[in-house]
Amino acid sequence: MSTEINERKMRTLTGKVVSDKLDKTRVILIETQKRHPLFKKSIRRSTRVKIHDERNESKEGDIVVAVETRPLSKEKHHRLIKIVEKAK
């Protein structure tokens, strides 16, 4: 599949790679921030998602963009599209 995907239709996730120990799989951390409806305090939530990295090109600490795809395994439902920022 090409990386020229119509990103308006596909759901994308942006997150930081927290684990690259699995072959062709990366674990990314997605942090979201929203306001509490009653107390108006900012609440931070984080989610860990497994993504498919065919060429094992991303490393721990990279910021990546993943797109939703068909289920690739029990826990993998996203595919790596591009690396936004390399780790230092």
Protein backbone atom coordinates (compact mmCIF):
# COMPACT_ATOMS: atom_id res chain seq x y z
CA MET A 1 0.00 0.00 0.00
CA SER A 2 1.24 3.48 -0.74
CA THR A 3 1.69 6.19 1.83
CA GLU A 4 -0.46 8.49 -0.33
CA ILE A 5 -3.60 7.95 1.75
CA ASN A 6 -6.53 10.30 1.86
CA GLU A 7 -5.98 11.33 5.48
CA ARG A 8 -9.32 13.14 5.71
CA LYS A 9 -11.17 9.83 5.59
CA MET A 10 -8.71 7.77 7.63
CA ARG A 11 -8.38 8.26 11.38
CA THR A 12 -4.83 9.15 12.30
CA LEU A 13 -3.04 9.05 15.63
CA THR A 14 0.06 10.99 16.63
CA GLY A 15 2.15 9.70 19.51
CA LYS A 16 5.56 8.95 20.94
CA VAL A 17 7.16 5.52 20.56
CA VAL A 18 7.65 4.08 24.04
CA SER A 19 8.70 0.55 23.06
CA ASP A 20 10.43 -0.90 20.00
CA LYS A 21 11.30 -4.31 21.40
CA LEU A 22 8.80 -6.28 19.29
CA ASP A 23 9.56 -7.21 15.67
CA LYS A 24 7.58 -5.01 13.21
CA THR A 25 5.50 -3.65 16.11
CA ARG A 26 5.82 -0.40 18.02
CA VAL A 27 3.96 0.74 21.13
CA ILE A 28 3.06 4.43 21.02
CA LEU A 29 1.77 6.65 23.80
CA ILE A 30 -1.02 9.05 22.86
CA GLU A 31 -1.65 11.86 25.33
CA THR A 32 -4.87 13.86 25.27
CA GLN A 33 -5.91 16.82 27.35
CA LYS A 34 -9.46 17.95 28.01
CA ARG A 35 -11.40 20.00 30.51
CA HIS A 36 -13.51 18.49 33.26
CA PRO A 37 -17.13 19.48 32.53
CA LEU A 38 -17.95 20.55 36.10
CA PHE A 39 -14.66 21.60 37.70
CA LYS A 40 -13.05 23.07 34.55
CA LYS A 41 -9.72 21.54 35.49
CA SER A 42 -7.44 20.25 32.72
CA ILE A 43 -7.23 16.46 32.78
CA ARG A 44 -4.48 14.51 31.01
CA ARG A 45 -5.23 11.05 29.69
CA SER A 46 -2.85 8.66 27.98
CA THR A 47 -3.42 5.56 25.86
CA ARG A 48 -0.93 2.96 24.65
CA VAL A 49 -1.56 1.63 21.14
CA LYS A 50 0.33 -1.02 19.18
CA ILE A 51 1.09 -0.12 15.56
CA HIS A 52 2.59 -2.05 12.65
CA ASP A 53 6.02 -0.87 11.43
CA GLU A 54 6.88 -3.04 8.42
CA ARG A 55 10.51 -1.88 8.02
CA ASN A 56 11.37 -1.45 11.73
CA GLU A 57 12.38 2.14 10.96
CA SER A 58 11.05 3.93 14.05
CA LYS A 59 12.95 3.86 17.33
CA GLU A 60 12.07 4.60 20.93
CA GLY A 61 11.47 8.32 21.50
CA ASP A 62 10.35 9.11 17.93
CA ILE A 63 7.13 11.04 17.27
CA VAL A 64 5.09 9.11 14.68
CA VAL A 65 1.79 9.26 12.80
CA ALA A 66 -0.28 6.07 12.48
CA VAL A 67 -3.43 5.39 10.49
CA GLU A 68 -6.31 3.07 11.32
CA THR A 69 -6.40 -0.13 9.27
CA ARG A 70 -7.94 -3.58 9.28
CA PRO A 71 -7.05 -5.76 12.28
CA LEU A 72 -3.52 -7.08 11.76
CA SER A 73 -3.45 -9.12 14.97
CA LYS A 74 -5.30 -9.33 18.27
CA GLU A 75 -4.08 -5.89 19.42
CA LYS A 76 -2.74 -4.19 16.25
CA HIS A 77 -5.24 -2.04 14.33
CA HIS A 78 -2.98 0.79 13.14
CA ARG A 79 -0.13 1.14 10.65
CA LEU A 80 2.83 3.52 10.69
CA ILE A 81 2.54 6.30 8.08
CA LYS A 82 5.48 8.59 8.81
CA ILE A 83 8.00 9.61 11.41
CA VAL A 84 7.42 13.27 12.32
CA GLU A 85 10.45 13.71 14.56
CA LYS A 86 13.43 11.49 15.28
CA ALA A 87 14.62 10.94 18.85
CA LYS A 88 17.80 12.72 19.88
